PDB file of N, CA and C in Angstrom:
ATOM      1  N   MET A   1      96.092 163.472 156.992  1.00  0.00           N
ATOM      2  CA  MET A   1      94.947 162.624 157.266  1.00  0.00           C
ATOM      3  C   MET A   1      95.380 161.168 157.425  1.00  0.00           C
ATOM      4  N   ARG A   2      96.333 160.754 156.608  1.00  0.00           N
ATOM      5  CA  ARG A   2      96.780 159.371 156.665  1.00  0.00           C
ATOM      6  C   ARG A   2      97.414 159.060 158.030  1.00  0.00           C
ATOM      7  N   ILE A   3      98.223 159.976 158.523  1.00  0.00           N
ATOM      8  CA  ILE A   3      98.867 159.768 159.818  1.00  0.00           C
ATOM      9  C   ILE A   3      97.831 159.757 160.940  1.00  0.00           C
ATOM     10  N   GLU A   4      96.819 160.630 160.846  1.00  0.00           N
ATOM     11  CA  GLU A   4      95.751 160.648 161.849  1.00  0.00           C
ATOM     12  C   GLU A   4      94.972 159.340 161.833  1.00  0.00           C
ATOM     13  N   ARG A   5      94.641 158.849 160.638  1.00  0.00           N
ATOM     14  CA  ARG A   5      93.908 157.589 160.511  1.00  0.00           C
ATOM     15  C   ARG A   5      94.749 156.435 161.064  1.00  0.00           C
ATOM     16  N   GLN A   6      96.039 156.435 160.730  1.00  0.00           N
ATOM     17  CA  GLN A   6      96.935 155.401 161.221  1.00  0.00           C
ATOM     18  C   GLN A   6      96.986 155.416 162.749  1.00  0.00           C
ATOM     19  N   GLY A   7      97.087 156.608 163.322  1.00  0.00           N
ATOM     20  CA  GLY A   7      97.117 156.734 164.781  1.00  0.00           C
ATOM     21  C   GLY A   7      95.836 156.247 165.425  1.00  0.00           C
ATOM     22  N   ALA A   8      94.706 156.552 164.795  1.00  0.00           N
ATOM     23  CA  ALA A   8      93.413 156.121 165.340  1.00  0.00           C
ATOM     24  C   ALA A   8      93.294 154.597 165.312  1.00  0.00           C
ATOM     25  N   VAL A   9      93.729 153.979 164.238  1.00  0.00           N
ATOM     26  CA  VAL A   9      93.633 152.519 164.119  1.00  0.00           C
ATOM     27  C   VAL A   9      94.618 151.846 165.059  1.00  0.00           C
ATOM     28  N   LEU A  10      95.868 152.287 165.034  1.00  0.00           N
ATOM     29  CA  LEU A  10      96.895 151.632 165.839  1.00  0.00           C
ATOM     30  C   LEU A  10      96.769 151.930 167.323  1.00  0.00           C
ATOM     31  N   GLY A  11      96.102 153.037 167.668  1.00  0.00           N
ATOM     32  CA  GLY A  11      95.935 153.397 169.063  1.00  0.00           C
ATOM     33  C   GLY A  11      94.649 152.907 169.689  1.00  0.00           C
ATOM     34  N   SER A  12      93.811 152.253 168.908  1.00  0.00           N
ATOM     35  CA  SER A  12      92.525 151.810 169.442  1.00  0.00           C
ATOM     36  C   SER A  12      92.686 150.548 170.287  1.00  0.00           C
ATOM     37  N   SER A  13      91.680 150.269 171.084  1.00  0.00           N
ATOM     38  CA  SER A  13      91.717 149.072 171.930  1.00  0.00           C
ATOM     39  C   SER A  13      91.607 147.790 171.107  1.00  0.00           C
ATOM     40  N   SER A  14      91.134 147.911 169.870  1.00  0.00           N
ATOM     41  CA  SER A  14      91.028 146.731 168.995  1.00  0.00           C
ATOM     42  C   SER A  14      92.030 146.803 167.851  1.00  0.00           C
ATOM     43  N   ALA A  15      93.207 147.374 168.134  1.00  0.00           N
ATOM     44  CA  ALA A  15      94.241 147.512 167.106  1.00  0.00           C
ATOM     45  C   ALA A  15      94.657 146.141 166.583  1.00  0.00           C
ATOM     46  N   PRO A  16      94.911 146.047 165.281  1.00  0.00           N
ATOM     47  CA  PRO A  16      95.306 144.757 164.717  1.00  0.00           C
ATOM     48  C   PRO A  16      96.725 144.379 165.130  1.00  0.00           C
ATOM     49  N   GLU A  17      96.984 143.077 165.146  1.00  0.00           N
ATOM     50  CA  GLU A  17      98.354 142.603 165.350  1.00  0.00           C
ATOM     51  C   GLU A  17      99.072 142.740 164.014  1.00  0.00           C
ATOM     52  N   ILE A  18     100.259 143.317 164.045  1.00  0.00           N
ATOM     53  CA  ILE A  18     101.016 143.533 162.819  1.00  0.00           C
ATOM     54  C   ILE A  18     102.413 142.956 162.991  1.00  0.00           C
ATOM     55  N   ILE A  19     102.797 142.109 162.063  1.00  0.00           N
ATOM     56  CA  ILE A  19     104.170 141.619 161.986  1.00  0.00           C
ATOM     57  C   ILE A  19     104.700 142.133 160.659  1.00  0.00           C
ATOM     58  N   TYR A  20     105.674 143.011 160.724  1.00  0.00           N
ATOM     59  CA  TYR A  20     106.175 143.709 159.551  1.00  0.00           C
ATOM     60  C   TYR A  20     107.589 143.233 159.250  1.00  0.00           C
ATOM     61  N   LEU A  21     107.783 142.713 158.053  1.00  0.00           N
ATOM     62  CA  LEU A  21     109.100 142.287 157.583  1.00  0.00           C
ATOM     63  C   LEU A  21     109.558 143.255 156.511  1.00  0.00           C
ATOM     64  N   THR A  22     110.778 143.718 156.614  1.00  0.00           N
ATOM     65  CA  THR A  22     111.318 144.569 155.561  1.00  0.00           C
ATOM     66  C   THR A  22     112.769 144.201 155.320  1.00  0.00           C
ATOM     67  N   ASP A  23     113.254 144.582 154.184  1.00  0.00           N
ATOM     68  CA  ASP A  23     114.616 144.317 153.783  1.00  0.00           C
ATOM     69  C   ASP A  23     115.516 145.446 154.276  1.00  0.00           C
ATOM     70  N   GLU A  24     116.745 145.122 154.649  1.00  0.00           N
ATOM     71  CA  GLU A  24     117.690 146.143 155.092  1.00  0.00           C
ATOM     72  C   GLU A  24     117.861 147.242 154.048  1.00  0.00           C
ATOM     73  N   ALA A  25     117.779 146.883 152.787  1.00  0.00           N
ATOM     74  CA  ALA A  25     117.928 147.875 151.715  1.00  0.00           C
ATOM     75  C   ALA A  25     116.867 148.973 151.819  1.00  0.00           C
ATOM     76  N   ALA A  26     115.667 148.618 152.239  1.00  0.00           N
ATOM     77  CA  ALA A  26     114.596 149.613 152.364  1.00  0.00           C
ATOM     78  C   ALA A  26     114.901 150.625 153.465  1.00  0.00           C
ATOM     79  N   LEU A  27     115.658 150.211 154.457  1.00  0.00           N
ATOM     80  CA  LEU A  27     116.011 151.115 155.544  1.00  0.00           C
ATOM     81  C   LEU A  27     117.231 151.959 155.217  1.00  0.00           C
ATOM     82  N   ARG A  28     118.071 151.471 154.337  1.00  0.00           N
ATOM     83  CA  ARG A  28     119.324 152.170 154.027  1.00  0.00           C
ATOM     84  C   ARG A  28     119.238 153.055 152.781  1.00  0.00           C
ATOM     85  N   ARG A  29     118.302 152.778 151.901  1.00  0.00           N
ATOM     86  CA  ARG A  29     118.173 153.580 150.677  1.00  0.00           C
ATOM     87  C   ARG A  29     117.684 154.970 151.056  1.00  0.00           C
ATOM     88  N   VAL A  30     118.478 155.978 150.740  1.00  0.00           N
ATOM     89  CA  VAL A  30     118.136 157.342 151.120  1.00  0.00           C
ATOM     90  C   VAL A  30     117.102 157.904 150.147  1.00  0.00           C
ATOM     91  N   VAL A  31     115.964 158.238 150.685  1.00  0.00           N
ATOM     92  CA  VAL A  31     114.891 158.887 149.926  1.00  0.00           C
ATOM     93  C   VAL A  31     114.574 160.171 150.687  1.00  0.00           C
ATOM     94  N   GLY A  32     114.854 161.287 150.061  1.00  0.00           N
ATOM     95  CA  GLY A  32     114.742 162.557 150.777  1.00  0.00           C
ATOM     96  C   GLY A  32     116.066 162.860 151.450  1.00  0.00           C
ATOM     97  N   SER A  33     116.032 163.623 152.496  1.00  0.00           N
ATOM     98  CA  SER A  33     117.251 163.985 153.206  1.00  0.00           C
ATOM     99  C   SER A  33     117.562 162.971 154.308  1.00  0.00           C
ATOM    100  N   LEU A  34     118.754 163.095 154.852  1.00  0.00           N
ATOM    101  CA  LEU A  34     119.149 162.241 155.967  1.00  0.00           C
ATOM    102  C   LEU A  34     118.217 162.463 157.162  1.00  0.00           C
ATOM    103  N   GLU A  35     117.791 163.716 157.359  1.00  0.00           N
ATOM    104  CA  GLU A  35     116.885 164.031 158.464  1.00  0.00           C
ATOM    105  C   GLU A  35     115.540 163.324 158.279  1.00  0.00           C
ATOM    106  N   VAL A  36     115.040 163.306 157.048  1.00  0.00           N
ATOM    107  CA  VAL A  36     113.784 162.607 156.754  1.00  0.00           C
ATOM    108  C   VAL A  36     113.939 161.119 157.060  1.00  0.00           C
ATOM    109  N   MET A  37     115.035 160.534 156.625  1.00  0.00           N
ATOM    110  CA  MET A  37     115.265 159.107 156.848  1.00  0.00           C
ATOM    111  C   MET A  37     115.364 158.795 158.346  1.00  0.00           C
ATOM    112  N   GLN A  38     116.066 159.650 159.086  1.00  0.00           N
ATOM    113  CA  GLN A  38     116.187 159.439 160.530  1.00  0.00           C
ATOM    114  C   GLN A  38     114.824 159.530 161.213  1.00  0.00           C
ATOM    115  N   GLY A  39     114.007 160.477 160.781  1.00  0.00           N
ATOM    116  CA  GLY A  39     112.657 160.613 161.337  1.00  0.00           C
ATOM    117  C   GLY A  39     111.804 159.388 161.050  1.00  0.00           C
ATOM    118  N   GLN A  40     111.907 158.864 159.833  1.00  0.00           N
ATOM    119  CA  GLN A  40     111.131 157.676 159.491  1.00  0.00           C
ATOM    120  C   GLN A  40     111.600 156.466 160.288  1.00  0.00           C
ATOM    121  N   TYR A  41     112.903 156.337 160.460  1.00  0.00           N
ATOM    122  CA  TYR A  41     113.423 155.211 161.238  1.00  0.00           C
ATOM    123  C   TYR A  41     112.992 155.308 162.695  1.00  0.00           C
ATOM    124  N   ARG A  42     113.042 156.524 163.255  1.00  0.00           N
ATOM    125  CA  ARG A  42     112.571 156.718 164.634  1.00  0.00           C
ATOM    126  C   ARG A  42     111.094 156.341 164.753  1.00  0.00           C
ATOM    127  N   GLN A  43     110.300 156.700 163.742  1.00  0.00           N
ATOM    128  CA  GLN A  43     108.878 156.355 163.751  1.00  0.00           C
ATOM    129  C   GLN A  43     108.693 154.837 163.769  1.00  0.00           C
ATOM    130  N   LEU A  44     109.470 154.128 162.973  1.00  0.00           N
ATOM    131  CA  LEU A  44     109.392 152.660 162.968  1.00  0.00           C
ATOM    132  C   LEU A  44     109.762 152.097 164.335  1.00  0.00           C
ATOM    133  N   LEU A  45     110.810 152.627 164.937  1.00  0.00           N
ATOM    134  CA  LEU A  45     111.209 152.155 166.266  1.00  0.00           C
ATOM    135  C   LEU A  45     110.133 152.442 167.301  1.00  0.00           C
ATOM    136  N   ASP A  46     109.500 153.612 167.208  1.00  0.00           N
ATOM    137  CA  ASP A  46     108.405 153.945 168.140  1.00  0.00           C
ATOM    138  C   ASP A  46     107.223 153.000 167.951  1.00  0.00           C
ATOM    139  N   LEU A  47     106.852 152.736 166.700  1.00  0.00           N
ATOM    140  CA  LEU A  47     105.745 151.812 166.434  1.00  0.00           C
ATOM    141  C   LEU A  47     106.069 150.417 166.959  1.00  0.00           C
ATOM    142  N   ASN A  48     107.322 150.025 166.846  1.00  0.00           N
ATOM    143  CA  ASN A  48     107.748 148.704 167.296  1.00  0.00           C
ATOM    144  C   ASN A  48     107.606 148.537 168.804  1.00  0.00           C
ATOM    145  N   GLU A  49     107.511 149.624 169.551  1.00  0.00           N
ATOM    146  CA  GLU A  49     107.335 149.565 171.002  1.00  0.00           C
ATOM    147  C   GLU A  49     105.922 149.146 171.395  1.00  0.00           C
ATOM    148  N   ARG A  50     104.987 149.231 170.479  1.00  0.00           N
ATOM    149  CA  ARG A  50     103.605 148.843 170.783  1.00  0.00           C
ATOM    150  C   ARG A  50     103.513 147.328 170.915  1.00  0.00           C
ATOM    151  N   ASP A  51     102.638 146.883 171.797  1.00  0.00           N
ATOM    152  CA  ASP A  51     102.486 145.448 172.050  1.00  0.00           C
ATOM    153  C   ASP A  51     101.974 144.680 170.831  1.00  0.00           C
ATOM    154  N   ASN A  52     101.239 145.359 169.961  1.00  0.00           N
ATOM    155  CA  ASN A  52     100.623 144.658 168.837  1.00  0.00           C
ATOM    156  C   ASN A  52     101.455 144.732 167.548  1.00  0.00           C
ATOM    157  N   ILE A  53     102.652 145.327 167.623  1.00  0.00           N
ATOM    158  CA  ILE A  53     103.473 145.477 166.416  1.00  0.00           C
ATOM    159  C   ILE A  53     104.849 144.877 166.644  1.00  0.00           C
ATOM    160  N   ASP A  54     105.269 144.048 165.696  1.00  0.00           N
ATOM    161  CA  ASP A  54     106.590 143.428 165.727  1.00  0.00           C
ATOM    162  C   ASP A  54     107.245 143.693 164.377  1.00  0.00           C
ATOM    163  N   MET A  55     108.378 144.384 164.380  1.00  0.00           N
ATOM    164  CA  MET A  55     109.059 144.719 163.129  1.00  0.00           C
ATOM    165  C   MET A  55     110.363 143.946 163.035  1.00  0.00           C
ATOM    166  N   LEU A  56     110.540 143.308 161.882  1.00  0.00           N
ATOM    167  CA  LEU A  56     111.724 142.499 161.637  1.00  0.00           C
ATOM    168  C   LEU A  56     112.406 142.971 160.362  1.00  0.00           C
ATOM    169  N   VAL A  57     113.729 142.828 160.319  1.00  0.00           N
ATOM    170  CA  VAL A  57     114.517 143.248 159.169  1.00  0.00           C
ATOM    171  C   VAL A  57     115.309 142.057 158.653  1.00  0.00           C
ATOM    172  N   ILE A  58     115.323 141.887 157.338  1.00  0.00           N
ATOM    173  CA  ILE A  58     116.138 140.855 156.719  1.00  0.00           C
ATOM    174  C   ILE A  58     117.448 141.523 156.314  1.00  0.00           C
ATOM    175  N   PRO A  59     118.556 141.171 156.979  1.00  0.00           N
ATOM    176  CA  PRO A  59     119.832 141.827 156.686  1.00  0.00           C
ATOM    177  C   PRO A  59     120.398 141.401 155.328  1.00  0.00           C
ATOM    178  N   TYR A  60     121.273 142.247 154.782  1.00  0.00           N
ATOM    179  CA  TYR A  60     121.932 141.922 153.508  1.00  0.00           C
ATOM    180  C   TYR A  60     122.565 140.544 153.555  1.00  0.00           C
ATOM    181  N   ALA A  61     123.156 140.206 154.702  1.00  0.00           N
ATOM    182  CA  ALA A  61     123.865 138.932 154.833  1.00  0.00           C
ATOM    183  C   ALA A  61     122.966 137.716 154.637  1.00  0.00           C
ATOM    184  N   ALA A  62     121.660 137.898 154.718  1.00  0.00           N
ATOM    185  CA  ALA A  62     120.736 136.765 154.539  1.00  0.00           C
ATOM    186  C   ALA A  62     120.729 136.260 153.107  1.00  0.00           C
ATOM    187  N   GLY A  63     121.176 137.099 152.173  1.00  0.00           N
ATOM    188  CA  GLY A  63     121.158 136.689 150.776  1.00  0.00           C
ATOM    189  C   GLY A  63     119.733 136.557 150.268  1.00  0.00           C
ATOM    190  N   ASN A  64     119.510 135.556 149.448  1.00  0.00           N
ATOM    191  CA  ASN A  64     118.180 135.306 148.889  1.00  0.00           C
ATOM    192  C   ASN A  64     117.270 134.731 149.977  1.00  0.00           C
ATOM    193  N   TYR A  65     116.013 135.134 149.973  1.00  0.00           N
ATOM    194  CA  TYR A  65     115.062 134.623 150.955  1.00  0.00           C
ATOM    195  C   TYR A  65     113.690 134.500 150.295  1.00  0.00           C
ATOM    196  N   PRO A  66     112.785 133.701 150.857  1.00  0.00           N
ATOM    197  CA  PRO A  66     111.522 133.386 150.185  1.00  0.00           C
ATOM    198  C   PRO A  66     110.630 134.575 149.833  1.00  0.00           C
ATOM    199  N   SER A  67     110.695 135.655 150.565  1.00  0.00           N
ATOM    200  CA  SER A  67     109.798 136.786 150.315  1.00  0.00           C
ATOM    201  C   SER A  67     110.450 137.894 149.489  1.00  0.00           C
ATOM    202  N   ILE A  68     111.567 137.614 148.856  1.00  0.00           N
ATOM    203  CA  ILE A  68     112.324 138.649 148.161  1.00  0.00           C
ATOM    204  C   ILE A  68     111.646 139.145 146.879  1.00  0.00           C
ATOM    205  N   LEU A  69     110.733 138.389 146.334  1.00  0.00           N
ATOM    206  CA  LEU A  69     110.170 138.723 145.020  1.00  0.00           C
ATOM    207  C   LEU A  69     109.229 139.914 145.000  1.00  0.00           C
ATOM    208  N   GLY A  70     108.737 140.344 146.126  1.00  0.00           N
ATOM    209  CA  GLY A  70     107.873 141.514 146.106  1.00  0.00           C
ATOM    210  C   GLY A  70     107.000 141.608 147.335  1.00  0.00           C
ATOM    211  N   PRO A  71     106.399 142.779 147.514  1.00  0.00           N
ATOM    212  CA  PRO A  71     105.588 143.008 148.709  1.00  0.00           C
ATOM    213  C   PRO A  71     104.237 142.292 148.662  1.00  0.00           C
ATOM    214  N   TYR A  72     103.818 141.834 149.817  1.00  0.00           N
ATOM    215  CA  TYR A  72     102.490 141.246 149.971  1.00  0.00           C
ATOM    216  C   TYR A  72     102.077 141.383 151.424  1.00  0.00           C
ATOM    217  N   ARG A  73     100.785 141.315 151.633  1.00  0.00           N
ATOM    218  CA  ARG A  73     100.236 141.367 152.982  1.00  0.00           C
ATOM    219  C   ARG A  73      99.297 140.180 153.155  1.00  0.00           C
ATOM    220  N   ILE A  74      99.393 139.540 154.297  1.00  0.00           N
ATOM    221  CA  ILE A  74      98.468 138.460 154.621  1.00  0.00           C
ATOM    222  C   ILE A  74      97.542 139.004 155.692  1.00  0.00           C
ATOM    223  N   MET A  75      96.255 138.969 155.412  1.00  0.00           N
ATOM    224  CA  MET A  75      95.277 139.538 156.347  1.00  0.00           C
ATOM    225  C   MET A  75      94.364 138.432 156.875  1.00  0.00           C
ATOM    226  N   TYR A  76      94.312 138.347 158.190  1.00  0.00           N
ATOM    227  CA  TYR A  76      93.441 137.392 158.869  1.00  0.00           C
ATOM    228  C   TYR A  76      92.305 138.188 159.501  1.00  0.00           C
ATOM    229  N   PHE A  77      91.107 137.707 159.385  1.00  0.00           N
ATOM    230  CA  PHE A  77      89.943 138.428 159.882  1.00  0.00           C
ATOM    231  C   PHE A  77      89.302 137.660 161.031  1.00  0.00           C
ATOM    232  N   ALA A  78      88.888 138.394 162.049  1.00  0.00           N
ATOM    233  CA  ALA A  78      88.268 137.791 163.228  1.00  0.00           C
ATOM    234  C   ALA A  78      86.933 137.148 162.874  1.00  0.00           C
ATOM    235  N   ASP A  79      86.610 136.124 163.602  1.00  0.00           N
ATOM    236  CA  ASP A  79      85.312 135.452 163.512  1.00  0.00           C
ATOM    237  C   ASP A  79      85.023 134.830 162.147  1.00  0.00           C
ATOM    238  N   GLY A  80      86.028 134.691 161.310  1.00  0.00           N
ATOM    239  CA  GLY A  80      85.824 134.054 160.016  1.00  0.00           C
ATOM    240  C   GLY A  80      84.852 134.780 159.105  1.00  0.00           C
ATOM    241  N   VAL A  81      84.651 136.068 159.345  1.00  0.00           N
ATOM    242  CA  VAL A  81      83.720 136.844 158.526  1.00  0.00           C
ATOM    243  C   VAL A  81      84.195 136.884 157.078  1.00  0.00           C
ATOM    244  N   PHE A  82      85.502 137.024 156.896  1.00  0.00           N
ATOM    245  CA  PHE A  82      86.099 137.017 155.570  1.00  0.00           C
ATOM    246  C   PHE A  82      87.185 135.951 155.557  1.00  0.00           C
ATOM    247  N   PRO A  83      87.501 135.386 154.401  1.00  0.00           N
ATOM    248  CA  PRO A  83      88.582 134.401 154.346  1.00  0.00           C
ATOM    249  C   PRO A  83      89.941 135.091 154.496  1.00  0.00           C
ATOM    250  N   THR A  84      90.949 134.330 154.912  1.00  0.00           N
ATOM    251  CA  THR A  84      92.302 134.857 154.924  1.00  0.00           C
ATOM    252  C   THR A  84      92.606 135.332 153.512  1.00  0.00           C
ATOM    253  N   THR A  85      93.141 136.539 153.409  1.00  0.00           N
ATOM    254  CA  THR A  85      93.323 137.167 152.105  1.00  0.00           C
ATOM    255  C   THR A  85      94.745 137.703 151.986  1.00  0.00           C
ATOM    256  N   VAL A  86      95.311 137.549 150.801  1.00  0.00           N
ATOM    257  CA  VAL A  86      96.641 138.082 150.506  1.00  0.00           C
ATOM    258  C   VAL A  86      96.483 139.254 149.555  1.00  0.00           C
ATOM    259  N   TYR A  87      97.151 140.350 149.886  1.00  0.00           N
ATOM    260  CA  TYR A  87      97.175 141.525 149.024  1.00  0.00           C
ATOM    261  C   TYR A  87      98.532 141.543 148.347  1.00  0.00           C
ATOM    262  N   LEU A  88      98.539 141.382 147.033  1.00  0.00           N
ATOM    263  CA  LEU A  88      99.775 141.313 146.253  1.00  0.00           C
ATOM    264  C   LEU A  88      99.981 142.613 145.488  1.00  0.00           C
ATOM    265  N   GLU A  89     101.223 143.096 145.497  1.00  0.00           N
ATOM    266  CA  GLU A  89     101.550 144.318 144.774  1.00  0.00           C
ATOM    267  C   GLU A  89     102.596 144.008 143.704  1.00  0.00           C
ATOM    268  N   SER A  90     102.494 144.698 142.567  1.00  0.00           N
ATOM    269  CA  SER A  90     103.496 144.567 141.513  1.00  0.00           C
ATOM    270  C   SER A  90     103.510 145.826 140.664  1.00  0.00           C
ATOM    271  N   LEU A  91     104.413 145.895 139.729  1.00  0.00           N
ATOM    272  CA  LEU A  91     104.472 147.034 138.815  1.00  0.00           C
ATOM    273  C   LEU A  91     103.238 147.101 137.929  1.00  0.00           C
ATOM    274  N   HIS A  92     102.559 145.995 137.775  1.00  0.00           N
ATOM    275  CA  HIS A  92     101.383 145.930 136.904  1.00  0.00           C
ATOM    276  C   HIS A  92     100.080 146.199 137.651  1.00  0.00           C
ATOM    277  N   GLY A  93     100.173 146.472 138.927  1.00  0.00           N
ATOM    278  CA  GLY A  93      98.975 146.723 139.717  1.00  0.00           C
ATOM    279  C   GLY A  93      98.972 145.859 140.959  1.00  0.00           C
ATOM    280  N   SER A  94      97.877 145.884 141.654  1.00  0.00           N
ATOM    281  CA  SER A  94      97.755 145.088 142.869  1.00  0.00           C
ATOM    282  C   SER A  94      96.399 144.407 142.877  1.00  0.00           C
ATOM    283  N   HIS A  95      96.326 143.329 143.640  1.00  0.00           N
ATOM    284  CA  HIS A  95      95.045 142.623 143.731  1.00  0.00           C
ATOM    285  C   HIS A  95      95.007 141.764 144.991  1.00  0.00           C
ATOM    286  N   TYR A  96      93.804 141.345 145.332  1.00  0.00           N
ATOM    287  CA  TYR A  96      93.553 140.501 146.497  1.00  0.00           C
ATOM    288  C   TYR A  96      93.350 139.067 146.033  1.00  0.00           C
ATOM    289  N   GLU A  97      93.875 138.131 146.811  1.00  0.00           N
ATOM    290  CA  GLU A  97      93.711 136.703 146.541  1.00  0.00           C
ATOM    291  C   GLU A  97      93.257 136.004 147.805  1.00  0.00           C
ATOM    292  N   ASP A  98      92.264 135.127 147.681  1.00  0.00           N
ATOM    293  CA  ASP A  98      91.887 134.309 148.828  1.00  0.00           C
ATOM    294  C   ASP A  98      91.895 132.822 148.476  1.00  0.00           C
ATOM    295  N   ALA A  99      92.455 132.487 147.307  1.00  0.00           N
ATOM    296  CA  ALA A  99      92.576 131.086 146.902  1.00  0.00           C
ATOM    297  C   ALA A  99      93.544 130.385 147.848  1.00  0.00           C
ATOM    298  N   GLY A 100      93.142 129.212 148.321  1.00  0.00           N
ATOM    299  CA  GLY A 100      93.927 128.476 149.309  1.00  0.00           C
ATOM    300  C   GLY A 100      95.370 128.256 148.934  1.00  0.00           C
ATOM    301  N   LYS A 101      95.631 127.920 147.680  1.00  0.00           N
ATOM    302  CA  LYS A 101      97.000 127.631 147.230  1.00  0.00           C
ATOM    303  C   LYS A 101      97.876 128.882 147.332  1.00  0.00           C
ATOM    304  N   ILE A 102      97.370 130.017 146.927  1.00  0.00           N
ATOM    305  CA  ILE A 102      98.139 131.262 146.972  1.00  0.00           C
ATOM    306  C   ILE A 102      98.350 131.701 148.416  1.00  0.00           C
ATOM    307  N   VAL A 103      97.304 131.626 149.233  1.00  0.00           N
ATOM    308  CA  VAL A 103      97.426 131.993 150.644  1.00  0.00           C
ATOM    309  C   VAL A 103      98.465 131.093 151.320  1.00  0.00           C
ATOM    310  N   SER A 104      98.401 129.801 151.092  1.00  0.00           N
ATOM    311  CA  SER A 104      99.356 128.857 151.696  1.00  0.00           C
ATOM    312  C   SER A 104     100.788 129.146 151.254  1.00  0.00           C
ATOM    313  N   HIS A 105     100.952 129.458 149.977  1.00  0.00           N
ATOM    314  CA  HIS A 105     102.287 129.770 149.454  1.00  0.00           C
ATOM    315  C   HIS A 105     102.855 131.008 150.162  1.00  0.00           C
ATOM    316  N   CYS A 106     102.061 132.056 150.285  1.00  0.00           N
ATOM    317  CA  CYS A 106     102.512 133.287 150.935  1.00  0.00           C
ATOM    318  C   CYS A 106     102.763 133.077 152.427  1.00  0.00           C
ATOM    319  N   GLU A 107     101.912 132.304 153.084  1.00  0.00           N
ATOM    320  CA  GLU A 107     102.122 132.014 154.504  1.00  0.00           C
ATOM    321  C   GLU A 107     103.433 131.250 154.707  1.00  0.00           C
ATOM    322  N   GLY A 108     103.703 130.296 153.833  1.00  0.00           N
ATOM    323  CA  GLY A 108     104.953 129.535 153.922  1.00  0.00           C
ATOM    324  C   GLY A 108     106.170 130.421 153.719  1.00  0.00           C
ATOM    325  N   ALA A 109     106.105 131.293 152.714  1.00  0.00           N
ATOM    326  CA  ALA A 109     107.219 132.213 152.448  1.00  0.00           C
ATOM    327  C   ALA A 109     107.423 133.144 153.634  1.00  0.00           C
ATOM    328  N   PHE A 110     106.329 133.642 154.187  1.00  0.00           N
ATOM    329  CA  PHE A 110     106.408 134.547 155.339  1.00  0.00           C
ATOM    330  C   PHE A 110     107.027 133.832 156.536  1.00  0.00           C
ATOM    331  N   ASP A 111     106.548 132.625 156.830  1.00  0.00           N
ATOM    332  CA  ASP A 111     107.064 131.879 157.981  1.00  0.00           C
ATOM    333  C   ASP A 111     108.553 131.590 157.832  1.00  0.00           C
ATOM    334  N   GLN A 112     108.976 131.204 156.627  1.00  0.00           N
ATOM    335  CA  GLN A 112     110.394 130.913 156.402  1.00  0.00           C
ATOM    336  C   GLN A 112     111.238 132.173 156.523  1.00  0.00           C
ATOM    337  N   THR A 113     110.748 133.280 156.006  1.00  0.00           N
ATOM    338  CA  THR A 113     111.486 134.538 156.044  1.00  0.00           C
ATOM    339  C   THR A 113     111.562 135.077 157.467  1.00  0.00           C
ATOM    340  N   ARG A 114     110.514 134.883 158.222  1.00  0.00           N
ATOM    341  CA  ARG A 114     110.415 135.406 159.586  1.00  0.00           C
ATOM    342  C   ARG A 114     111.371 134.726 160.546  1.00  0.00           C
ATOM    343  N   GLN A 115     111.723 133.491 160.269  1.00  0.00           N
ATOM    344  CA  GLN A 115     112.596 132.748 161.160  1.00  0.00           C
ATOM    345  C   GLN A 115     113.962 133.429 161.254  1.00  0.00           C
ATOM    346  N   ALA A 116     114.572 133.352 162.427  1.00  0.00           N
ATOM    347  CA  ALA A 116     115.911 133.912 162.581  1.00  0.00           C
ATOM    348  C   ALA A 116     116.934 132.800 162.432  1.00  0.00           C
ATOM    349  N   PRO A 117     117.938 132.913 161.566  1.00  0.00           N
ATOM    350  CA  PRO A 117     117.972 133.893 160.495  1.00  0.00           C
ATOM    351  C   PRO A 117     116.972 133.520 159.415  1.00  0.00           C
ATOM    352  N   PRO A 118     116.600 134.353 158.498  1.00  0.00           N
ATOM    353  CA  PRO A 118     117.252 135.606 158.158  1.00  0.00           C
ATOM    354  C   PRO A 118     116.759 136.832 158.898  1.00  0.00           C
ATOM    355  N   ALA A 119     115.535 136.851 159.418  1.00  0.00           N
ATOM    356  CA  ALA A 119     114.997 138.086 159.994  1.00  0.00           C
ATOM    357  C   ALA A 119     115.542 138.337 161.402  1.00  0.00           C
ATOM    358  N   VAL A 120     115.763 139.618 161.699  1.00  0.00           N
ATOM    359  CA  VAL A 120     116.217 140.028 163.028  1.00  0.00           C
ATOM    360  C   VAL A 120     115.321 141.183 163.486  1.00  0.00           C
ATOM    361  N   PRO A 121     115.146 141.358 164.796  1.00  0.00           N
ATOM    362  CA  PRO A 121     114.341 142.497 165.279  1.00  0.00           C
ATOM    363  C   PRO A 121     114.914 143.820 164.777  1.00  0.00           C
ATOM    364  N   ILE A 122     114.063 144.789 164.529  1.00  0.00           N
ATOM    365  CA  ILE A 122     114.493 146.068 163.958  1.00  0.00           C
ATOM    366  C   ILE A 122     115.529 146.760 164.842  1.00  0.00           C
ATOM    367  N   ARG A 123     115.428 146.627 166.143  1.00  0.00           N
ATOM    368  CA  ARG A 123     116.409 147.268 167.027  1.00  0.00           C
ATOM    369  C   ARG A 123     117.800 146.661 166.863  1.00  0.00           C
ATOM    370  N   SER A 124     117.873 145.417 166.398  1.00  0.00           N
ATOM    371  CA  SER A 124     119.171 144.765 166.176  1.00  0.00           C
ATOM    372  C   SER A 124     119.805 145.189 164.861  1.00  0.00           C
ATOM    373  N   SER A 125     118.994 145.766 163.996  1.00  0.00           N
ATOM    374  CA  SER A 125     119.536 146.150 162.692  1.00  0.00           C
ATOM    375  C   SER A 125     120.185 147.506 162.821  1.00  0.00           C
TER     376      SER A 125
END
């Protein structure tokens, strides 16, 4: 069901723009079999072919970078219906933040991390 829902959202005419940053370690850490990992990597490369998706990888050589402390998502909503919101994840749970200071901090970290270097297109990794 999750894959079907993902396909419906990403394949729609109003699909969201997605800029995905990941660490090289996430691509190299073997979870499951080698075949599973290859299939997942192929899926990422296929998704990256879509006009609305841009996938970037932070290589090991980048060392420390602003977004290294943990996963987060910055969500922008059309027409200002909702404020820009950050979804933060941690071992203690996850939560949404729309406070200006937190949003600005995450946007700054994202922008710095996204710059080349350290981030490179997934096909270059």
